[in-house]
N, C-alpha and C. Protein backbone atom coordinates (compact mmCIF):
# COMPACT_ATOMS: atom_id res chain seq x y z
N MET A 1 -88.47 59.62 -25.24
CA MET A 1 -87.93 60.95 -25.01
C MET A 1 -86.43 60.85 -24.72
N GLN A 2 -85.65 61.70 -25.32
CA GLN A 2 -84.20 61.69 -25.11
C GLN A 2 -83.86 62.57 -23.91
N ILE A 3 -83.24 61.95 -22.89
CA ILE A 3 -82.92 62.68 -21.66
C ILE A 3 -81.64 63.49 -21.82
N PHE A 4 -80.60 62.87 -22.40
CA PHE A 4 -79.31 63.54 -22.55
C PHE A 4 -79.12 64.07 -23.97
N ARG A 5 -78.37 65.15 -24.06
CA ARG A 5 -78.07 65.72 -25.37
C ARG A 5 -77.19 64.76 -26.16
N PRO A 6 -77.21 64.77 -27.49
CA PRO A 6 -76.40 63.87 -28.31
C PRO A 6 -74.91 63.97 -28.01
N GLY A 7 -74.46 65.14 -27.60
CA GLY A 7 -73.04 65.32 -27.32
C GLY A 7 -72.55 64.51 -26.14
N VAL A 8 -73.47 64.11 -25.26
CA VAL A 8 -73.08 63.33 -24.09
C VAL A 8 -72.47 62.00 -24.50
N ASN A 9 -73.00 61.40 -25.56
CA ASN A 9 -72.46 60.12 -26.04
C ASN A 9 -71.00 60.26 -26.45
N THR A 10 -70.71 61.38 -27.09
CA THR A 10 -69.32 61.63 -27.50
C THR A 10 -68.41 61.75 -26.29
N VAL A 11 -68.87 62.50 -25.28
CA VAL A 11 -68.09 62.67 -24.05
C VAL A 11 -67.85 61.33 -23.38
N ALA A 12 -68.89 60.49 -23.34
CA ALA A 12 -68.76 59.17 -22.70
C ALA A 12 -67.74 58.31 -23.43
N LYS A 13 -67.79 58.35 -24.76
CA LYS A 13 -66.84 57.55 -25.54
C LYS A 13 -65.40 58.02 -25.31
N ILE A 14 -65.23 59.35 -25.31
CA ILE A 14 -63.89 59.90 -25.08
C ILE A 14 -63.38 59.53 -23.70
N SER A 15 -64.27 59.57 -22.69
CA SER A 15 -63.88 59.23 -21.31
C SER A 15 -63.43 57.78 -21.21
N ILE A 16 -64.17 56.90 -21.88
CA ILE A 16 -63.82 55.47 -21.86
C ILE A 16 -62.47 55.24 -22.53
N LEU A 17 -62.27 55.88 -23.69
CA LEU A 17 -61.00 55.73 -24.40
C LEU A 17 -59.84 56.31 -23.59
N ALA A 18 -60.08 57.46 -22.95
CA ALA A 18 -59.03 58.08 -22.14
C ALA A 18 -58.67 57.20 -20.96
N GLY A 19 -59.70 56.61 -20.33
CA GLY A 19 -59.45 55.72 -19.20
C GLY A 19 -58.65 54.50 -19.61
N ALA A 20 -59.00 53.95 -20.77
CA ALA A 20 -58.27 52.78 -21.28
C ALA A 20 -56.82 53.14 -21.60
N LEU A 21 -56.62 54.34 -22.19
CA LEU A 21 -55.27 54.78 -22.54
C LEU A 21 -54.41 54.98 -21.29
N VAL A 22 -55.00 55.60 -20.27
CA VAL A 22 -54.27 55.82 -19.01
C VAL A 22 -53.88 54.49 -18.39
N THR A 23 -54.81 53.52 -18.41
CA THR A 23 -54.53 52.19 -17.86
C THR A 23 -53.36 51.54 -18.58
N VAL A 24 -53.38 51.62 -19.91
CA VAL A 24 -52.29 51.03 -20.70
C VAL A 24 -50.96 51.71 -20.39
N LEU A 25 -50.98 53.03 -20.27
CA LEU A 25 -49.75 53.77 -19.99
C LEU A 25 -49.19 53.42 -18.62
N VAL A 26 -50.07 53.30 -17.62
CA VAL A 26 -49.63 52.96 -16.27
C VAL A 26 -49.02 51.56 -16.25
N LEU A 27 -49.71 50.60 -16.88
CA LEU A 27 -49.20 49.23 -16.93
C LEU A 27 -47.87 49.17 -17.67
N ASN A 28 -47.76 49.94 -18.75
CA ASN A 28 -46.51 49.97 -19.51
C ASN A 28 -45.38 50.56 -18.67
N PHE A 29 -45.68 51.60 -17.89
CA PHE A 29 -44.68 52.21 -17.01
C PHE A 29 -44.19 51.20 -15.98
N LEU A 30 -45.13 50.47 -15.37
CA LEU A 30 -44.75 49.48 -14.36
C LEU A 30 -43.93 48.36 -14.98
N PHE A 31 -44.31 47.96 -16.20
CA PHE A 31 -43.58 46.90 -16.90
C PHE A 31 -42.14 47.32 -17.16
N VAL A 32 -41.97 48.54 -17.67
CA VAL A 32 -40.62 49.05 -17.98
C VAL A 32 -39.82 49.23 -16.70
N GLN A 33 -40.46 49.78 -15.66
CA GLN A 33 -39.76 50.00 -14.39
C GLN A 33 -39.28 48.68 -13.80
N ASP A 34 -40.11 47.65 -13.90
CA ASP A 34 -39.75 46.35 -13.32
C ASP A 34 -38.52 45.77 -13.99
N ARG A 35 -38.32 46.09 -15.26
CA ARG A 35 -37.21 45.52 -16.01
C ARG A 35 -36.02 46.47 -16.16
N SER A 36 -36.16 47.63 -15.59
CA SER A 36 -35.08 48.60 -15.70
C SER A 36 -33.88 48.17 -14.86
N PRO A 37 -32.66 48.24 -15.42
CA PRO A 37 -31.46 47.88 -14.64
C PRO A 37 -31.18 48.88 -13.52
N TYR A 38 -31.89 50.00 -13.54
CA TYR A 38 -31.71 51.00 -12.49
C TYR A 38 -32.94 51.07 -11.60
N SER A 39 -33.62 49.94 -11.48
CA SER A 39 -34.81 49.87 -10.65
C SER A 39 -34.52 50.39 -9.25
N ARG A 40 -35.40 51.28 -8.81
CA ARG A 40 -35.30 51.91 -7.49
C ARG A 40 -33.97 52.64 -7.29
N ALA A 41 -33.26 52.90 -8.40
CA ALA A 41 -32.04 53.72 -8.40
C ALA A 41 -31.03 53.28 -7.35
N ARG A 42 -30.96 51.97 -7.07
CA ARG A 42 -30.04 51.50 -6.03
C ARG A 42 -28.96 50.57 -6.57
N ALA A 43 -29.22 49.90 -7.67
CA ALA A 43 -28.25 48.92 -8.17
C ALA A 43 -26.93 49.58 -8.52
N GLY A 44 -25.84 49.03 -7.97
CA GLY A 44 -24.51 49.50 -8.31
C GLY A 44 -24.04 50.72 -7.54
N ILE A 45 -24.85 51.21 -6.59
CA ILE A 45 -24.49 52.41 -5.83
C ILE A 45 -24.19 52.03 -4.39
N ALA A 46 -22.97 52.30 -3.95
CA ALA A 46 -22.59 52.00 -2.57
C ALA A 46 -23.38 52.87 -1.60
N VAL A 47 -23.79 52.28 -0.49
CA VAL A 47 -24.60 52.99 0.50
C VAL A 47 -23.73 53.35 1.71
N ALA A 48 -23.74 54.63 2.07
CA ALA A 48 -22.96 55.09 3.22
C ALA A 48 -23.51 54.48 4.51
N GLN A 49 -22.63 54.17 5.45
CA GLN A 49 -23.01 53.53 6.70
C GLN A 49 -22.41 54.29 7.89
N PRO A 50 -22.96 54.08 9.09
CA PRO A 50 -22.42 54.77 10.28
C PRO A 50 -21.00 54.34 10.63
N VAL A 51 -20.63 53.13 10.20
CA VAL A 51 -19.26 52.64 10.38
C VAL A 51 -18.78 52.13 9.02
N ARG A 52 -17.57 52.47 8.66
CA ARG A 52 -17.04 52.06 7.35
C ARG A 52 -16.60 50.61 7.40
N PHE A 53 -17.58 49.74 7.49
CA PHE A 53 -17.30 48.30 7.57
C PHE A 53 -16.96 47.77 6.18
N SER A 54 -15.85 47.09 6.06
CA SER A 54 -15.41 46.56 4.77
C SER A 54 -15.62 45.05 4.72
N HIS A 55 -16.55 44.62 3.87
CA HIS A 55 -16.71 43.18 3.64
C HIS A 55 -15.48 42.61 2.94
N GLN A 56 -14.84 43.44 2.13
CA GLN A 56 -13.63 42.99 1.43
C GLN A 56 -12.56 42.58 2.43
N LEU A 57 -12.38 43.38 3.46
CA LEU A 57 -11.39 43.07 4.49
C LEU A 57 -11.80 41.84 5.29
N HIS A 58 -13.03 41.83 5.79
CA HIS A 58 -13.45 40.77 6.70
C HIS A 58 -13.69 39.44 5.99
N SER A 59 -14.33 39.50 4.82
CA SER A 59 -14.67 38.26 4.11
C SER A 59 -13.50 37.72 3.29
N ASP A 60 -12.89 38.58 2.50
CA ASP A 60 -11.84 38.11 1.59
C ASP A 60 -10.48 37.97 2.30
N GLN A 61 -10.03 39.02 2.95
CA GLN A 61 -8.69 38.99 3.54
C GLN A 61 -8.63 38.19 4.84
N LEU A 62 -9.66 38.34 5.68
CA LEU A 62 -9.66 37.64 6.97
C LEU A 62 -10.43 36.31 6.92
N ASN A 63 -11.12 36.07 5.79
CA ASN A 63 -11.81 34.80 5.58
C ASN A 63 -12.87 34.51 6.65
N ILE A 64 -13.58 35.54 7.07
CA ILE A 64 -14.68 35.36 8.02
C ILE A 64 -15.94 35.01 7.23
N SER A 65 -16.57 33.91 7.56
CA SER A 65 -17.75 33.44 6.83
C SER A 65 -18.95 34.37 7.04
N CYS A 66 -19.80 34.44 6.03
CA CYS A 66 -21.01 35.28 6.12
C CYS A 66 -21.83 34.96 7.36
N ASN A 67 -21.96 33.66 7.67
CA ASN A 67 -22.87 33.27 8.74
C ASN A 67 -22.31 33.51 10.13
N TYR A 68 -21.07 33.99 10.24
CA TYR A 68 -20.57 34.37 11.56
C TYR A 68 -21.31 35.62 12.04
N CYS A 69 -21.50 36.56 11.13
CA CYS A 69 -22.20 37.80 11.48
C CYS A 69 -23.70 37.73 11.17
N HIS A 70 -24.04 37.02 10.11
CA HIS A 70 -25.45 36.94 9.69
C HIS A 70 -25.98 35.53 9.98
N ALA A 71 -25.87 35.13 11.22
CA ALA A 71 -26.18 33.75 11.61
C ALA A 71 -27.64 33.38 11.38
N SER A 72 -28.55 34.31 11.53
CA SER A 72 -29.98 33.98 11.40
C SER A 72 -30.38 33.69 9.96
N ALA A 73 -29.53 34.03 8.99
CA ALA A 73 -29.86 33.76 7.58
C ALA A 73 -30.00 32.28 7.30
N ASN A 74 -29.38 31.44 8.13
CA ASN A 74 -29.45 29.99 7.91
C ASN A 74 -30.84 29.43 8.12
N GLU A 75 -31.60 30.03 9.04
CA GLU A 75 -32.87 29.43 9.43
C GLU A 75 -34.06 30.37 9.35
N TYR A 76 -33.83 31.65 9.42
CA TYR A 76 -34.94 32.59 9.57
C TYR A 76 -35.12 33.48 8.35
N ALA A 77 -36.24 34.18 8.33
CA ALA A 77 -36.56 35.03 7.18
C ALA A 77 -35.54 36.14 6.99
N TYR A 78 -35.10 36.73 8.10
CA TYR A 78 -34.19 37.87 8.02
C TYR A 78 -32.75 37.43 8.30
N ALA A 79 -31.83 37.94 7.49
CA ALA A 79 -30.42 37.61 7.70
C ALA A 79 -29.90 38.23 8.98
N GLY A 80 -30.45 39.38 9.34
CA GLY A 80 -30.06 40.02 10.58
C GLY A 80 -28.75 40.78 10.48
N ILE A 81 -28.68 41.87 11.21
CA ILE A 81 -27.45 42.64 11.32
C ILE A 81 -26.85 42.34 12.69
N PRO A 82 -25.59 41.98 12.78
CA PRO A 82 -25.01 41.63 14.08
C PRO A 82 -25.01 42.83 15.03
N ASP A 83 -25.30 42.56 16.30
CA ASP A 83 -25.19 43.65 17.27
C ASP A 83 -23.71 43.88 17.60
N THR A 84 -23.43 44.94 18.31
CA THR A 84 -22.03 45.29 18.55
C THR A 84 -21.32 44.32 19.47
N HIS A 85 -22.07 43.45 20.16
CA HIS A 85 -21.42 42.40 20.95
C HIS A 85 -20.66 41.45 20.03
N THR A 86 -21.25 41.19 18.85
CA THR A 86 -20.57 40.33 17.87
C THR A 86 -19.30 41.02 17.36
N CYS A 87 -19.42 42.31 17.07
CA CYS A 87 -18.24 43.06 16.60
C CYS A 87 -17.13 43.04 17.65
N MET A 88 -17.54 43.24 18.90
CA MET A 88 -16.54 43.35 19.97
C MET A 88 -15.95 42.01 20.37
N SER A 89 -16.52 40.92 19.89
CA SER A 89 -15.90 39.62 20.16
C SER A 89 -14.51 39.56 19.54
N CYS A 90 -14.31 40.36 18.49
CA CYS A 90 -12.97 40.49 17.90
C CYS A 90 -12.31 41.81 18.31
N HIS A 91 -13.10 42.87 18.24
CA HIS A 91 -12.50 44.20 18.39
C HIS A 91 -12.28 44.64 19.83
N SER A 92 -12.55 43.77 20.77
CA SER A 92 -12.10 44.04 22.14
C SER A 92 -10.60 43.78 22.24
N GLN A 93 -10.07 43.06 21.22
CA GLN A 93 -8.65 42.73 21.20
C GLN A 93 -7.94 43.29 19.96
N ILE A 94 -8.71 43.57 18.91
CA ILE A 94 -8.12 43.99 17.63
C ILE A 94 -8.56 45.42 17.31
N ALA A 95 -7.62 46.25 16.89
CA ALA A 95 -7.90 47.65 16.54
C ALA A 95 -8.65 48.35 17.67
N VAL A 96 -8.20 48.12 18.88
CA VAL A 96 -8.88 48.60 20.08
C VAL A 96 -9.02 50.11 20.11
N TYR A 97 -8.03 50.83 19.57
CA TYR A 97 -8.03 52.29 19.66
C TYR A 97 -8.33 52.97 18.32
N SER A 98 -8.81 52.20 17.37
CA SER A 98 -9.11 52.77 16.06
C SER A 98 -10.25 53.79 16.14
N GLU A 99 -10.03 54.97 15.56
CA GLU A 99 -11.07 56.00 15.55
C GLU A 99 -12.27 55.56 14.72
N LEU A 100 -12.01 54.77 13.68
CA LEU A 100 -13.10 54.30 12.83
C LEU A 100 -14.11 53.46 13.61
N LEU A 101 -13.64 52.82 14.69
CA LEU A 101 -14.50 51.93 15.46
C LEU A 101 -15.11 52.60 16.69
N GLU A 102 -14.92 53.91 16.82
CA GLU A 102 -15.47 54.62 17.97
C GLU A 102 -16.99 54.44 18.08
N PRO A 103 -17.77 54.52 16.96
CA PRO A 103 -19.22 54.30 17.06
C PRO A 103 -19.56 52.90 17.57
N VAL A 104 -18.74 51.91 17.21
CA VAL A 104 -18.98 50.54 17.67
C VAL A 104 -18.76 50.44 19.18
N ARG A 105 -17.68 51.02 19.65
CA ARG A 105 -17.39 50.98 21.09
C ARG A 105 -18.45 51.73 21.89
N THR A 106 -18.88 52.86 21.36
CA THR A 106 -19.92 53.65 22.04
C THR A 106 -21.22 52.86 22.12
N SER A 107 -21.58 52.21 21.02
CA SER A 107 -22.80 51.39 21.00
C SER A 107 -22.71 50.26 22.01
N TYR A 108 -21.55 49.64 22.07
CA TYR A 108 -21.33 48.52 23.00
C TYR A 108 -21.45 48.98 24.45
N GLU A 109 -20.91 50.14 24.74
CA GLU A 109 -20.91 50.65 26.12
C GLU A 109 -22.27 51.17 26.55
N THR A 110 -22.99 51.81 25.64
CA THR A 110 -24.28 52.43 25.99
C THR A 110 -25.46 51.49 25.78
N GLY A 111 -25.28 50.49 24.92
CA GLY A 111 -26.39 49.60 24.61
C GLY A 111 -27.29 50.13 23.51
N ASP A 112 -26.96 51.30 22.97
CA ASP A 112 -27.74 51.87 21.86
C ASP A 112 -27.25 51.26 20.54
N PRO A 113 -28.14 50.60 19.80
CA PRO A 113 -27.70 49.94 18.57
C PRO A 113 -27.28 50.92 17.49
N LEU A 114 -26.36 50.51 16.67
CA LEU A 114 -26.01 51.29 15.48
C LEU A 114 -27.17 51.22 14.49
N VAL A 115 -27.42 52.30 13.81
CA VAL A 115 -28.50 52.34 12.82
C VAL A 115 -27.86 52.23 11.44
N TRP A 116 -27.96 51.04 10.86
CA TRP A 116 -27.37 50.80 9.54
C TRP A 116 -28.37 51.16 8.45
N ASN A 117 -27.88 51.60 7.33
CA ASN A 117 -28.74 51.93 6.19
C ASN A 117 -28.92 50.71 5.31
N LYS A 118 -30.17 50.42 4.99
CA LYS A 118 -30.48 49.21 4.24
C LYS A 118 -29.94 49.31 2.81
N VAL A 119 -29.35 48.23 2.35
CA VAL A 119 -28.83 48.18 0.98
C VAL A 119 -29.81 47.45 0.07
N HIS A 120 -30.21 46.25 0.47
CA HIS A 120 -31.15 45.46 -0.32
C HIS A 120 -32.55 45.65 0.27
N ASP A 121 -33.23 46.67 -0.22
CA ASP A 121 -34.51 47.09 0.35
C ASP A 121 -35.64 46.68 -0.58
N LEU A 122 -36.21 45.51 -0.35
CA LEU A 122 -37.30 45.02 -1.20
C LEU A 122 -38.57 45.81 -0.94
N ALA A 123 -39.45 45.83 -1.93
CA ALA A 123 -40.74 46.50 -1.77
C ALA A 123 -41.54 45.84 -0.65
N GLU A 124 -42.40 46.62 -0.01
CA GLU A 124 -43.15 46.12 1.15
C GLU A 124 -44.07 44.95 0.80
N HIS A 125 -44.49 44.87 -0.46
CA HIS A 125 -45.43 43.81 -0.84
C HIS A 125 -44.71 42.50 -1.20
N VAL A 126 -43.39 42.47 -1.03
CA VAL A 126 -42.62 41.26 -1.37
C VAL A 126 -42.25 40.52 -0.10
N TYR A 127 -42.56 39.22 -0.07
CA TYR A 127 -42.14 38.37 1.06
C TYR A 127 -40.90 37.60 0.63
N PHE A 128 -39.85 37.70 1.44
CA PHE A 128 -38.61 36.98 1.14
C PHE A 128 -38.10 36.32 2.41
N ASN A 129 -37.72 35.05 2.31
CA ASN A 129 -37.23 34.30 3.46
C ASN A 129 -35.80 33.82 3.18
N HIS A 130 -34.83 34.39 3.90
CA HIS A 130 -33.43 33.99 3.70
C HIS A 130 -33.23 32.50 3.97
N GLY A 131 -33.81 32.02 5.08
CA GLY A 131 -33.60 30.64 5.48
C GLY A 131 -34.01 29.65 4.41
N VAL A 132 -35.15 29.89 3.78
CA VAL A 132 -35.64 28.99 2.73
C VAL A 132 -34.64 28.94 1.57
N HIS A 133 -34.09 30.07 1.20
CA HIS A 133 -33.15 30.10 0.09
C HIS A 133 -31.82 29.44 0.45
N VAL A 134 -31.29 29.77 1.63
CA VAL A 134 -30.01 29.20 2.06
C VAL A 134 -30.10 27.69 2.20
N GLN A 135 -31.21 27.21 2.75
CA GLN A 135 -31.38 25.77 2.97
C GLN A 135 -31.66 25.01 1.68
N ASN A 136 -31.90 25.74 0.60
CA ASN A 136 -32.19 25.08 -0.67
C ASN A 136 -31.18 25.43 -1.76
N GLY A 137 -29.96 25.72 -1.34
CA GLY A 137 -28.87 25.80 -2.29
C GLY A 137 -28.61 27.12 -2.98
N VAL A 138 -29.23 28.20 -2.50
CA VAL A 138 -28.98 29.51 -3.11
C VAL A 138 -27.82 30.18 -2.37
N GLY A 139 -26.72 30.40 -3.07
CA GLY A 139 -25.54 31.00 -2.46
C GLY A 139 -25.71 32.48 -2.20
N CYS A 140 -24.97 32.99 -1.23
CA CYS A 140 -25.05 34.42 -0.89
C CYS A 140 -24.78 35.29 -2.12
N GLU A 141 -23.74 34.93 -2.88
CA GLU A 141 -23.33 35.79 -3.99
C GLU A 141 -24.33 35.76 -5.15
N THR A 142 -25.22 34.77 -5.18
CA THR A 142 -26.22 34.72 -6.24
C THR A 142 -27.09 35.97 -6.22
N CYS A 143 -27.44 36.43 -5.03
CA CYS A 143 -28.28 37.62 -4.90
C CYS A 143 -27.48 38.86 -4.53
N HIS A 144 -26.46 38.68 -3.70
CA HIS A 144 -25.73 39.84 -3.16
C HIS A 144 -24.47 40.18 -3.95
N GLY A 145 -24.10 39.35 -4.91
CA GLY A 145 -22.91 39.63 -5.70
C GLY A 145 -21.63 39.34 -4.93
N ARG A 146 -20.51 39.80 -5.47
CA ARG A 146 -19.21 39.55 -4.86
C ARG A 146 -18.97 40.53 -3.71
N VAL A 147 -19.70 40.31 -2.63
CA VAL A 147 -19.57 41.17 -1.45
C VAL A 147 -18.15 41.13 -0.92
N ASP A 148 -17.47 40.01 -1.13
CA ASP A 148 -16.10 39.89 -0.64
C ASP A 148 -15.14 40.84 -1.34
N GLN A 149 -15.60 41.50 -2.40
CA GLN A 149 -14.77 42.47 -3.11
C GLN A 149 -15.25 43.91 -2.91
N MET A 150 -16.20 44.09 -2.00
CA MET A 150 -16.78 45.41 -1.77
C MET A 150 -16.27 46.02 -0.47
N ALA A 151 -15.65 47.18 -0.58
CA ALA A 151 -15.27 47.92 0.63
C ALA A 151 -16.53 48.48 1.29
N LEU A 152 -17.40 49.08 0.50
CA LEU A 152 -18.74 49.46 0.94
C LEU A 152 -19.73 48.67 0.08
N VAL A 153 -20.73 48.11 0.71
CA VAL A 153 -21.65 47.22 -0.01
C VAL A 153 -22.62 48.02 -0.87
N TRP A 154 -22.87 47.51 -2.07
CA TRP A 154 -23.92 48.05 -2.92
C TRP A 154 -24.82 46.92 -3.38
N GLN A 155 -25.96 47.28 -3.91
CA GLN A 155 -26.90 46.29 -4.44
C GLN A 155 -26.40 45.84 -5.80
N ALA A 156 -26.04 44.58 -5.90
CA ALA A 156 -25.42 44.07 -7.12
C ALA A 156 -26.43 43.76 -8.22
N GLU A 157 -27.64 43.40 -7.83
CA GLU A 157 -28.67 43.02 -8.80
C GLU A 157 -29.85 43.99 -8.71
N THR A 158 -30.71 43.95 -9.73
CA THR A 158 -31.84 44.88 -9.75
C THR A 158 -32.92 44.53 -8.74
N MET A 159 -33.00 43.25 -8.34
CA MET A 159 -34.03 42.78 -7.41
C MET A 159 -35.44 42.97 -7.96
N THR A 160 -35.58 42.97 -9.27
CA THR A 160 -36.92 43.07 -9.86
C THR A 160 -37.59 41.70 -9.85
N MET A 161 -38.90 41.71 -10.08
CA MET A 161 -39.63 40.45 -10.12
C MET A 161 -39.13 39.57 -11.26
N ALA A 162 -38.85 40.18 -12.40
CA ALA A 162 -38.36 39.41 -13.55
C ALA A 162 -37.04 38.73 -13.21
N TRP A 163 -36.18 39.44 -12.47
CA TRP A 163 -34.88 38.87 -12.08
C TRP A 163 -35.08 37.69 -11.13
N CYS A 164 -35.95 37.83 -10.15
CA CYS A 164 -36.22 36.74 -9.20
C CYS A 164 -36.78 35.51 -9.92
N LEU A 165 -37.66 35.76 -10.88
CA LEU A 165 -38.33 34.65 -11.55
C LEU A 165 -37.38 33.83 -12.42
N GLU A 166 -36.26 34.41 -12.82
CA GLU A 166 -35.28 33.62 -13.58
C GLU A 166 -34.88 32.38 -12.79
N CYS A 167 -34.70 32.54 -11.49
CA CYS A 167 -34.31 31.42 -10.63
C CYS A 167 -35.52 30.58 -10.25
N HIS A 168 -36.64 31.23 -9.99
CA HIS A 168 -37.84 30.49 -9.58
C HIS A 168 -38.33 29.56 -10.69
N PHE A 169 -38.16 29.99 -11.93
CA PHE A 169 -38.59 29.16 -13.05
C PHE A 169 -37.58 28.06 -13.38
N ALA A 170 -36.30 28.29 -13.05
CA ALA A 170 -35.26 27.30 -13.37
C ALA A 170 -34.22 27.26 -12.26
N PRO A 171 -34.59 26.81 -11.05
CA PRO A 171 -33.64 26.81 -9.93
C PRO A 171 -32.42 25.94 -10.18
N GLU A 172 -32.55 24.93 -11.03
CA GLU A 172 -31.43 24.04 -11.31
C GLU A 172 -30.25 24.77 -11.97
N ASP A 173 -30.51 25.94 -12.53
CA ASP A 173 -29.44 26.71 -13.16
C ASP A 173 -28.62 27.52 -12.15
N PHE A 174 -29.12 27.61 -10.91
CA PHE A 174 -28.49 28.52 -9.95
C PHE A 174 -28.05 27.86 -8.64
N ILE A 175 -28.72 26.80 -8.23
CA ILE A 175 -28.43 26.24 -6.90
C ILE A 175 -27.06 25.55 -6.87
N ARG A 176 -26.54 25.42 -5.65
CA ARG A 176 -25.20 24.86 -5.45
C ARG A 176 -25.22 23.93 -4.24
N PRO A 177 -24.17 23.14 -4.03
CA PRO A 177 -24.10 22.26 -2.86
C PRO A 177 -24.14 23.05 -1.56
N ALA A 178 -24.63 22.40 -0.50
CA ALA A 178 -24.80 23.06 0.80
C ALA A 178 -23.49 23.60 1.35
N ASP A 179 -22.39 22.90 1.09
CA ASP A 179 -21.11 23.36 1.65
C ASP A 179 -20.46 24.48 0.83
N GLU A 180 -21.18 24.96 -0.19
CA GLU A 180 -20.66 26.05 -1.01
C GLU A 180 -21.54 27.30 -0.92
N ILE A 181 -22.52 27.29 -0.03
CA ILE A 181 -23.46 28.41 0.07
C ILE A 181 -22.74 29.73 0.32
N PHE A 182 -21.74 29.70 1.20
CA PHE A 182 -21.06 30.93 1.61
C PHE A 182 -19.77 31.17 0.83
N THR A 183 -19.57 30.41 -0.24
CA THR A 183 -18.35 30.54 -1.05
C THR A 183 -18.52 31.64 -2.09
N PHE A 184 -17.53 32.53 -2.18
CA PHE A 184 -17.52 33.56 -3.22
C PHE A 184 -16.61 33.10 -4.36
N GLY A 185 -17.00 33.43 -5.59
CA GLY A 185 -16.25 32.97 -6.75
C GLY A 185 -16.46 31.49 -7.01
N TYR A 186 -17.62 30.99 -6.61
CA TYR A 186 -17.92 29.56 -6.76
C TYR A 186 -17.98 29.15 -8.23
N GLU A 187 -17.41 27.99 -8.51
CA GLU A 187 -17.50 27.37 -9.83
C GLU A 187 -18.01 25.95 -9.64
N PRO A 188 -19.06 25.55 -10.34
CA PRO A 188 -19.58 24.19 -10.17
C PRO A 188 -18.53 23.15 -10.53
N PRO A 189 -18.42 22.08 -9.75
CA PRO A 189 -17.40 21.05 -10.00
C PRO A 189 -17.66 20.24 -11.26
N ILE A 190 -18.93 20.18 -11.66
CA ILE A 190 -19.30 19.51 -12.91
C ILE A 190 -20.27 20.42 -13.65
N ASP A 191 -20.68 20.01 -14.83
CA ASP A 191 -21.61 20.82 -15.61
C ASP A 191 -22.84 21.16 -14.78
N GLN A 192 -23.21 22.46 -14.74
CA GLN A 192 -24.32 22.90 -13.89
C GLN A 192 -25.63 22.23 -14.28
N ALA A 193 -25.82 21.92 -15.54
CA ALA A 193 -27.05 21.26 -15.97
C ALA A 193 -27.20 19.90 -15.30
N VAL A 194 -26.09 19.18 -15.17
CA VAL A 194 -26.11 17.87 -14.51
C VAL A 194 -26.22 18.04 -13.01
N LEU A 195 -25.38 18.92 -12.46
CA LEU A 195 -25.37 19.15 -11.02
C LEU A 195 -26.72 19.68 -10.53
N GLY A 196 -27.30 20.60 -11.30
CA GLY A 196 -28.57 21.19 -10.91
C GLY A 196 -29.67 20.16 -10.75
N GLU A 197 -29.74 19.21 -11.67
CA GLU A 197 -30.75 18.16 -11.58
C GLU A 197 -30.52 17.29 -10.34
N GLN A 198 -29.25 17.01 -10.05
CA GLN A 198 -28.93 16.22 -8.86
C GLN A 198 -29.35 16.96 -7.59
N LEU A 199 -29.08 18.26 -7.57
CA LEU A 199 -29.38 19.05 -6.38
C LEU A 199 -30.89 19.25 -6.18
N LEU A 200 -31.63 19.29 -7.28
CA LEU A 200 -33.10 19.37 -7.15
C LEU A 200 -33.62 18.19 -6.34
N GLU A 201 -33.08 17.01 -6.63
CA GLU A 201 -33.48 15.81 -5.89
C GLU A 201 -32.96 15.86 -4.45
N GLU A 202 -31.72 16.28 -4.29
CA GLU A 202 -31.11 16.32 -2.96
C GLU A 202 -31.85 17.27 -2.03
N TYR A 203 -32.21 18.44 -2.56
CA TYR A 203 -32.93 19.43 -1.75
C TYR A 203 -34.44 19.19 -1.75
N GLU A 204 -34.88 18.24 -2.56
CA GLU A 204 -36.31 17.94 -2.71
C GLU A 204 -37.08 19.17 -3.17
N ILE A 205 -36.54 19.82 -4.18
CA ILE A 205 -37.17 21.01 -4.75
C ILE A 205 -38.07 20.61 -5.91
N ASN A 206 -39.31 21.04 -5.86
CA ASN A 206 -40.24 20.85 -6.96
C ASN A 206 -40.47 22.21 -7.62
N PRO A 207 -39.85 22.46 -8.78
CA PRO A 207 -39.95 23.78 -9.41
C PRO A 207 -41.38 24.19 -9.77
N GLU A 208 -42.26 23.21 -9.93
CA GLU A 208 -43.64 23.53 -10.31
C GLU A 208 -44.30 24.35 -9.20
N GLY A 209 -44.77 25.50 -9.55
CA GLY A 209 -45.44 26.35 -8.58
C GLY A 209 -44.56 27.42 -7.96
N LEU A 210 -43.23 27.36 -8.19
CA LEU A 210 -42.34 28.37 -7.61
C LEU A 210 -42.58 29.76 -8.20
N GLY A 211 -43.22 29.79 -9.37
CA GLY A 211 -43.51 31.08 -9.99
C GLY A 211 -44.89 31.60 -9.67
N ASP A 212 -45.63 30.88 -8.81
CA ASP A 212 -46.98 31.34 -8.44
C ASP A 212 -46.91 32.62 -7.62
N CYS A 213 -47.92 33.46 -7.77
CA CYS A 213 -47.93 34.77 -7.11
C CYS A 213 -47.78 34.67 -5.59
N TRP A 214 -48.48 33.71 -4.97
CA TRP A 214 -48.53 33.65 -3.51
C TRP A 214 -47.17 33.34 -2.88
N VAL A 215 -46.24 32.79 -3.66
CA VAL A 215 -44.93 32.44 -3.11
C VAL A 215 -44.22 33.68 -2.55
N CYS A 216 -44.35 34.79 -3.25
CA CYS A 216 -43.66 36.02 -2.83
C CYS A 216 -44.60 37.14 -2.40
N HIS A 217 -45.89 36.99 -2.72
CA HIS A 217 -46.86 38.04 -2.37
C HIS A 217 -47.94 37.42 -1.49
N ARG A 218 -47.86 37.69 -0.17
CA ARG A 218 -48.76 37.03 0.78
C ARG A 218 -49.62 38.04 1.53
């Protein structure tokens, strides 16, 4: 005995095909989005901040190293934003009456931290450890771009998975000596292909497995 009308088979087939089509479209959208140079609409756009802090002034003109303010990047997962005590280590003597620094002085006096707007905002499902990268030859400018030339910082790279994997699959093409990590405008002293192989041994980096899912998704 036939329980369902013949037309039900047609409906079932159409539903299966529609489901498959939707799945393909969603996957295609995610694929295109991941490779879009305008991923998350942040690349190349300067982000407004509570204080007009210029990396160009501090890094390039005053030659202050990245790790003076972002000291935790050397060892820990987060690079950290310096508290106003760090700012006032200089500005208690320099530009003391500058109106631009009024929020810094207020924060220092009240103990209320400045709320900075995130520039490099990775997706929540991505695990990233600054210390691991810094200790293994990845320079600041490799990911953050020429911050020393930015009055207001913007996201220099797309930060997509495809972009990250370029380095994970071939770290020898990107890593640099430990004493050049914080150097902007770095040029390898010898051919990068030769230097990269030497640095893989020096840092004891085994590229095999760096592209595995669990490395960044935990």
